[in-house]
Amino acid sequence: MRRYAFRVCLGGKSVESRALLAILPPCPMASTAVDLAFEDFLKELPGDDAEMAHAFKAFARPRKLKTPAHLLQVVMLSCGLDQALRPAAGSFRRLAERITDTAIHQRLRACGPWLKALLHTLLPATKSTLTSLRLPIVDGSSLQGPGAAGTDDRVHLALDLTHMTLHAVDVTGVDGGESLTRSPWQAGDIVLADRGYNQPRVILDLFARDVGAIVRLNLTAMPLFVRPGEADVFDHAAVRFDVAAHLCAQSRDTLSLPVWLRASGAVSGPGWLHAVRLPPEAAEGARRRCRQAAQRKGRTPREATLFLVGWVMAFTTVPPRRCMAPRYWRSTVAAG
């Protein structure tokens, strides 16, 4: 039940939403069974949830939705069962009264502060050392309209993991590529991103503004050079770092190494390479997928490539003392 509350506040897709299926079975179905499931859900809420709905202006006066409980039922249909606005309107009509998808959209937009307040009452307070910084995670997705032969638009999102809020949204055309420059950052932010954001010049520009980055490493896009110890001035005689050779010589399962990142225009900056060896079964699965992908393109993967896919690697400009390596970055690598 509490995982459901967490899911509602996010309003996005997550594994937590599946916990709701045991509470409210998918529509259509008999209204009696749905009502019973919803009554069980209401018992988990604080006694003042209706008053909170009025206080946070999520519920102003009874119209199609007669009570705050009706509003919660709409939230469950849309956010919990992931129904689109029109199916949610149809489901609610079977349960209570006719309502349009536009009306549901307007009411859901007003629910955010109320649902967050409910979440704080349902979940125990946690002590975190991350409340003083923002930890945004960035990703993009493509959109296709009905009958489209390819991508119509791209949506670029930044979610603040520290406060579980949406930080930025950018919608572009098909030519809008992934970039960390699409969102506004402030000094002290630590941005998490996947391999599509391996852009050395952008990462170094953010570093100059005291904005850290942690990205899943794509070695072909990120020129890494050997950095002795904690040197803070780039040595132009530095040699390219052979990641495969270095990891092959290691017996440890986790590594943290200082490196230089080099970008076009003779721009460079310090960084750290973090690597985690995959378990044997996971590593073999990764190598199998690598071979299959290469075969589809008529290629044969190199031995070094097959070795490297047995590791999860991340590059960051955040010093280990700040991100509490290896425990902190190991979790962020999984998120990326």
Protein backbone atom coordinates (compact mmCIF):
# COMPACT_ATOMS: atom_id res chain seq x y z
CA MET A 1 0.00 0.00 0.00
CA ARG A 2 2.72 2.46 0.86
CA ARG A 3 4.60 1.68 -2.29
CA TYR A 4 1.45 2.72 -4.11
CA ALA A 5 1.53 6.11 -2.38
CA PHE A 6 5.11 6.57 -3.56
CA ARG A 7 4.10 5.66 -7.10
CA VAL A 8 1.24 8.13 -7.17
CA CYS A 9 3.41 11.06 -6.21
CA LEU A 10 5.82 10.35 -9.01
CA GLY A 11 3.06 10.02 -11.56
CA GLY A 12 5.42 8.02 -13.77
CA LYS A 13 5.98 4.39 -14.65
CA SER A 14 7.71 2.23 -12.08
CA VAL A 15 7.63 -1.24 -10.62
CA GLU A 16 5.88 0.15 -7.57
CA SER A 17 2.74 0.70 -9.62
CA ARG A 18 2.30 -3.04 -9.99
CA ALA A 19 1.70 -3.30 -6.25
CA LEU A 20 -1.64 -1.61 -6.87
CA LEU A 21 -2.91 -4.49 -8.96
CA ALA A 22 -3.47 -6.52 -5.82
CA ILE A 23 -5.55 -3.69 -4.39
CA LEU A 24 -7.57 -2.49 -7.34
CA PRO A 25 -8.09 -5.10 -10.11
CA PRO A 26 -8.00 -3.87 -13.70
CA CYS A 27 -11.16 -2.38 -15.18
CA PRO A 28 -13.66 -3.23 -16.50
CA MET A 29 -15.10 -5.34 -13.69
CA ALA A 30 -17.98 -5.40 -11.24
CA SER A 31 -18.24 -2.12 -9.36
CA THR A 32 -18.87 -3.97 -6.07
CA ALA A 33 -15.42 -5.60 -6.12
CA VAL A 34 -13.76 -2.31 -7.05
CA ASP A 35 -15.58 -0.47 -4.28
CA LEU A 36 -14.46 -3.05 -1.73
CA ALA A 37 -10.86 -2.78 -2.89
CA PHE A 38 -11.02 1.00 -2.72
CA GLU A 39 -12.48 0.91 0.79
CA ASP A 40 -9.51 -1.19 1.90
CA PHE A 41 -7.20 1.38 0.38
CA LEU A 42 -8.89 4.26 2.21
CA LYS A 43 -8.30 2.53 5.55
CA GLU A 44 -4.56 2.98 5.05
CA LEU A 45 -4.84 6.76 4.70
CA PRO A 46 -4.55 9.25 7.56
CA GLY A 47 -7.85 10.36 9.03
CA ASP A 48 -7.43 13.93 7.82
CA ASP A 49 -6.83 13.14 4.14
CA ALA A 50 -10.07 14.90 3.12
CA GLU A 51 -9.15 18.04 5.05
CA MET A 52 -5.70 17.95 3.46
CA ALA A 53 -7.30 17.82 0.00
CA HIS A 54 -9.12 21.09 0.74
CA ALA A 55 -6.05 22.68 2.35
CA PHE A 56 -3.84 21.94 -0.67
CA LYS A 57 -6.60 23.03 -3.10
CA ALA A 58 -6.75 19.63 -4.75
CA PHE A 59 -10.48 19.49 -4.02
CA ALA A 60 -12.45 22.73 -3.94
CA ARG A 61 -16.15 21.86 -4.23
CA PRO A 62 -18.25 18.85 -5.23
CA ARG A 63 -19.16 18.62 -8.89
CA LYS A 64 -18.68 15.46 -10.87
CA LEU A 65 -16.30 14.34 -8.16
CA LYS A 66 -18.40 14.52 -5.03
CA THR A 67 -15.70 13.88 -2.41
CA PRO A 68 -11.91 13.76 -2.05
CA ALA A 69 -12.29 9.97 -2.04
CA HIS A 70 -13.70 10.19 -5.58
CA LEU A 71 -10.65 12.22 -6.56
CA LEU A 72 -8.35 9.56 -5.12
CA GLN A 73 -10.20 6.94 -7.13
CA VAL A 74 -9.44 8.88 -10.31
CA VAL A 75 -5.78 9.14 -9.27
CA MET A 76 -5.64 5.37 -8.78
CA LEU A 77 -7.12 4.71 -12.20
CA SER A 78 -4.80 7.10 -14.02
CA CYS A 79 -1.54 6.87 -12.08
CA GLY A 80 -1.84 3.45 -10.46
CA LEU A 81 -3.24 1.38 -13.31
CA ASP A 82 -1.59 3.63 -15.89
CA GLN A 83 -4.83 4.27 -17.74
CA ALA A 84 -4.88 7.11 -20.25
CA LEU A 85 -7.27 9.98 -19.57
CA ARG A 86 -10.12 8.71 -21.74
CA PRO A 87 -10.10 5.11 -20.42
CA ALA A 88 -9.86 6.48 -16.88
CA ALA A 89 -12.94 8.63 -17.55
CA GLY A 90 -14.80 5.58 -18.85
CA SER A 91 -13.79 3.48 -15.85
CA PHE A 92 -14.91 6.17 -13.43
CA ARG A 93 -18.22 6.45 -15.23
CA ARG A 94 -18.88 2.77 -14.52
CA LEU A 95 -17.97 3.30 -10.88
CA ALA A 96 -19.69 6.58 -10.13
CA GLU A 97 -20.64 9.33 -12.58
CA ARG A 98 -19.92 10.48 -16.09
CA ILE A 99 -16.84 12.69 -16.43
CA THR A 100 -14.76 13.87 -19.37
CA ASP A 101 -11.08 13.18 -19.91
CA THR A 102 -10.45 16.95 -19.88
CA ALA A 103 -11.99 17.22 -16.43
CA ILE A 104 -9.82 14.37 -15.17
CA HIS A 105 -6.72 16.05 -16.58
CA GLN A 106 -7.52 19.31 -14.80
CA ARG A 107 -8.07 17.58 -11.47
CA LEU A 108 -4.94 15.48 -11.69
CA ARG A 109 -2.85 18.60 -12.33
CA ALA A 110 -4.02 20.03 -9.01
CA CYS A 111 -3.26 16.88 -7.00
CA GLY A 112 0.54 17.02 -6.76
CA PRO A 113 1.03 18.93 -3.47
CA TRP A 114 -1.78 16.98 -1.78
CA LEU A 115 -0.39 13.60 -2.81
CA LYS A 116 3.09 14.55 -1.64
CA ALA A 117 1.68 15.54 1.75
CA LEU A 118 -0.13 12.19 1.96
CA LEU A 119 3.11 10.43 1.14
CA HIS A 120 4.92 12.10 4.03
CA THR A 121 2.25 10.86 6.43
CA LEU A 122 2.31 7.29 5.06
CA LEU A 123 6.05 6.73 4.86
CA PRO A 124 8.44 6.88 7.82
CA ALA A 125 10.87 9.77 7.93
CA THR A 126 14.34 8.96 6.61
CA LYS A 127 17.66 10.49 7.49
CA SER A 128 19.64 11.37 4.40
CA THR A 129 22.90 13.21 3.81
CA LEU A 130 21.75 14.11 0.29
CA THR A 131 19.17 16.75 1.19
CA SER A 132 21.70 19.55 0.71
CA LEU A 133 22.25 18.82 -2.99
CA ARG A 134 20.31 18.00 -6.11
CA LEU A 135 20.82 14.65 -7.77
CA PRO A 136 19.06 14.89 -11.15
CA ILE A 137 18.86 11.91 -13.49
CA VAL A 138 18.53 12.74 -17.19
CA ASP A 139 17.14 10.72 -20.06
CA GLY A 140 15.26 11.10 -23.33
CA SER A 141 12.54 9.22 -25.13
CA SER A 142 11.05 9.25 -28.61
CA LEU A 143 7.38 9.75 -29.49
CA GLN A 144 5.50 8.39 -32.48
CA GLY A 145 2.01 9.37 -33.56
CA PRO A 146 -0.55 6.95 -35.05
CA GLY A 147 0.70 5.55 -38.34
CA ALA A 148 4.12 7.14 -38.00
CA ALA A 149 6.98 5.51 -39.88
CA GLY A 150 9.57 6.86 -37.46
CA THR A 151 10.14 9.28 -34.61
CA ASP A 152 7.96 12.40 -34.58
CA ASP A 153 9.25 14.13 -31.44
CA ARG A 154 11.67 13.66 -28.59
CA VAL A 155 11.04 14.29 -24.89
CA HIS A 156 13.99 15.11 -22.63
CA LEU A 157 13.40 14.78 -18.87
CA ALA A 158 15.40 15.57 -15.75
CA LEU A 159 14.14 14.07 -12.48
CA ASP A 160 15.54 15.25 -9.13
CA LEU A 161 16.13 12.01 -7.22
CA THR A 162 16.84 13.82 -3.95
CA HIS A 163 13.40 15.40 -3.73
CA MET A 164 11.56 13.12 -6.20
CA THR A 165 10.39 16.07 -8.30
CA LEU A 166 10.46 16.80 -12.01
CA HIS A 167 13.31 19.23 -12.62
CA ALA A 168 12.99 20.00 -16.34
CA VAL A 169 11.14 18.93 -19.50
CA ASP A 170 12.12 19.75 -23.07
CA VAL A 171 10.24 18.62 -26.19
CA THR A 172 12.10 18.80 -29.49
CA GLY A 173 11.77 17.58 -33.03
CA VAL A 174 13.36 14.44 -34.35
CA ASP A 175 16.73 16.23 -34.67
CA GLY A 176 16.86 17.09 -30.97
CA GLY A 177 19.65 14.89 -29.65
CA GLU A 178 20.48 14.00 -26.06
CA SER A 179 22.54 16.64 -24.30
CA LEU A 180 23.17 17.79 -20.74
CA THR A 181 22.84 21.38 -21.96
CA ARG A 182 19.04 21.09 -22.26
CA SER A 183 18.38 21.48 -18.53
CA PRO A 184 19.27 24.35 -16.17
CA TRP A 185 21.83 23.40 -13.52
CA GLN A 186 23.20 25.14 -10.48
CA ALA A 187 26.55 24.85 -8.73
CA GLY A 188 26.71 21.73 -6.61
CA ASP A 189 24.38 19.60 -8.76
CA ILE A 190 25.45 16.03 -9.57
CA VAL A 191 23.86 14.89 -12.83
CA LEU A 192 23.36 11.20 -13.68
CA ALA A 193 23.06 10.10 -17.30
CA ASP A 194 23.44 7.08 -19.56
CA ARG A 195 25.85 6.39 -22.43
CA GLY A 196 24.07 8.76 -24.80
CA TYR A 197 25.42 11.71 -22.82
CA ASN A 198 29.13 10.88 -23.19
CA GLN A 199 29.98 14.35 -24.50
CA PRO A 200 33.43 15.40 -23.23
CA ARG A 201 33.15 19.11 -24.02
CA VAL A 202 29.76 19.45 -22.32
CA ILE A 203 30.88 17.47 -19.27
CA LEU A 204 34.00 19.61 -18.89
CA ASP A 205 32.00 22.82 -19.33
CA LEU A 206 29.69 21.69 -16.51
CA PHE A 207 32.72 20.83 -14.38
CA ALA A 208 34.00 24.39 -14.82
CA ARG A 209 30.65 25.60 -13.41
CA ASP A 210 30.94 23.26 -10.39
CA VAL A 211 28.28 20.91 -11.80
CA GLY A 212 29.32 17.28 -11.46
CA ALA A 213 28.40 14.50 -13.87
CA ILE A 214 28.22 10.72 -13.55
CA VAL A 215 27.72 8.90 -16.86
CA ARG A 216 27.75 5.29 -17.96
CA LEU A 217 30.99 5.13 -19.87
CA ASN A 218 31.22 4.82 -23.64
CA LEU A 219 34.94 4.44 -24.25
CA THR A 220 34.76 5.32 -27.94
CA ALA A 221 33.26 8.72 -27.13
CA MET A 222 35.34 9.60 -24.05
CA PRO A 223 39.11 10.05 -24.60
CA LEU A 224 40.65 9.08 -21.24
CA PHE A 225 44.32 9.65 -20.40
CA VAL A 226 46.53 8.43 -17.58
CA ARG A 227 46.48 10.75 -14.57
CA PRO A 228 49.11 10.03 -11.90
CA GLY A 229 47.65 10.23 -8.42
CA GLU A 230 45.57 13.35 -7.85
CA ALA A 231 47.36 15.62 -10.35
CA ASP A 232 45.28 18.72 -11.10
CA VAL A 233 47.21 20.05 -14.12
CA PHE A 234 47.01 18.16 -17.40
CA ASP A 235 50.33 16.84 -18.69
CA HIS A 236 50.43 17.07 -22.48
CA ALA A 237 52.78 14.08 -22.47
CA ALA A 238 50.07 11.94 -20.87
CA VAL A 239 49.31 8.72 -22.75
CA ARG A 240 45.92 7.31 -23.65
CA PHE A 241 44.56 5.10 -20.89
CA ASP A 242 44.15 1.46 -22.00
CA VAL A 243 41.09 0.53 -19.95
CA ALA A 244 40.86 -3.06 -21.20
CA ALA A 245 44.50 -3.83 -20.43
CA HIS A 246 44.28 -2.28 -16.98
CA LEU A 247 41.11 -4.12 -15.99
CA CYS A 248 42.43 -7.39 -17.38
CA ALA A 249 45.37 -7.20 -14.98
CA GLN A 250 43.13 -6.69 -11.94
CA SER A 251 41.85 -9.35 -9.56
CA ARG A 252 39.52 -7.00 -7.69
CA ASP A 253 35.84 -6.68 -8.57
CA THR A 254 35.61 -2.91 -7.99
CA LEU A 255 38.05 -0.22 -9.08
CA SER A 256 38.30 3.56 -8.79
CA LEU A 257 41.00 5.23 -10.89
CA PRO A 258 41.93 8.89 -11.50
CA VAL A 259 42.02 9.79 -15.20
CA TRP A 260 42.09 12.81 -17.49
CA LEU A 261 39.21 13.56 -19.85
CA ARG A 262 40.25 15.27 -23.07
CA ALA A 263 37.91 17.18 -25.40
CA SER A 264 38.32 18.98 -28.70
CA GLY A 265 40.04 22.33 -28.62
CA ALA A 266 42.73 21.15 -26.17
CA VAL A 267 40.25 21.25 -23.30
CA SER A 268 40.89 18.78 -20.50
CA GLY A 269 39.86 18.12 -16.93
CA PRO A 270 40.23 15.61 -14.11
CA GLY A 271 37.87 12.72 -13.61
CA TRP A 272 37.53 9.25 -12.16
CA LEU A 273 36.81 5.92 -13.76
CA HIS A 274 34.76 3.54 -11.60
CA ALA A 275 34.30 -0.07 -12.66
CA VAL A 276 32.37 -3.02 -11.23
CA ARG A 277 32.89 -6.55 -12.49
CA LEU A 278 29.63 -8.30 -13.40
CA PRO A 279 28.82 -11.70 -11.86
CA PRO A 280 29.82 -14.58 -14.19
CA GLU A 281 26.28 -15.31 -15.41
CA ALA A 282 25.53 -11.64 -16.07
CA ALA A 283 28.87 -11.19 -17.85
CA GLU A 284 28.25 -14.17 -20.11
CA GLY A 285 24.79 -12.82 -20.96
CA ALA A 286 26.31 -9.44 -21.84
CA ARG A 287 28.87 -11.10 -24.11
CA ARG A 288 26.19 -13.14 -25.83
CA ARG A 289 24.17 -10.00 -26.57
CA CYS A 290 27.33 -8.29 -27.83
CA ARG A 291 28.03 -11.14 -30.27
CA GLN A 292 24.43 -11.15 -31.49
CA ALA A 293 24.47 -7.38 -32.08
CA ALA A 294 27.73 -7.66 -34.00
CA GLN A 295 26.44 -10.52 -36.13
CA ARG A 296 23.40 -8.49 -37.17
CA LYS A 297 25.82 -5.90 -38.55
CA GLY A 298 28.07 -8.48 -40.18
CA ARG A 299 30.91 -7.90 -37.75
CA THR A 300 32.98 -9.91 -35.30
CA PRO A 301 33.53 -8.30 -31.87
CA ARG A 302 37.11 -7.92 -30.69
CA GLU A 303 38.34 -9.81 -27.64
CA ALA A 304 38.84 -6.53 -25.79
CA THR A 305 35.22 -5.57 -26.45
CA LEU A 306 33.96 -8.93 -25.17
CA PHE A 307 36.05 -8.49 -22.05
CA LEU A 308 34.84 -4.95 -21.35
CA VAL A 309 31.14 -5.83 -21.57
CA GLY A 310 31.77 -7.96 -18.49
CA TRP A 311 32.21 -4.75 -16.52
CA VAL A 312 29.89 -1.87 -15.63
CA MET A 313 31.85 1.36 -15.95
CA ALA A 314 31.10 4.95 -15.09
CA PHE A 315 33.01 8.19 -15.56
CA THR A 316 32.55 11.08 -13.17
CA THR A 317 33.98 14.49 -12.44
CA VAL A 318 32.83 14.17 -8.82
CA PRO A 319 35.71 13.43 -6.41
CA PRO A 320 35.38 10.13 -4.51
CA ARG A 321 35.43 11.93 -1.17
CA ARG A 322 32.24 13.74 -2.18
CA CYS A 323 30.28 10.82 -3.58
CA MET A 324 31.41 8.36 -0.89
CA ALA A 325 32.89 5.89 -3.36
CA PRO A 326 32.51 3.05 -3.90
CA ARG A 327 29.12 2.61 -2.21
CA TYR A 328 27.54 5.78 -3.62
CA TRP A 329 28.74 5.56 -7.22
CA ARG A 330 27.99 1.85 -7.35
CA SER A 331 24.31 2.63 -6.79
CA THR A 332 24.38 5.50 -9.27
CA VAL A 333 25.92 3.27 -11.95
CA ALA A 334 22.92 0.98 -11.56
CA ALA A 335 20.60 3.97 -11.94
CA GLY A 336 22.37 5.10 -15.12
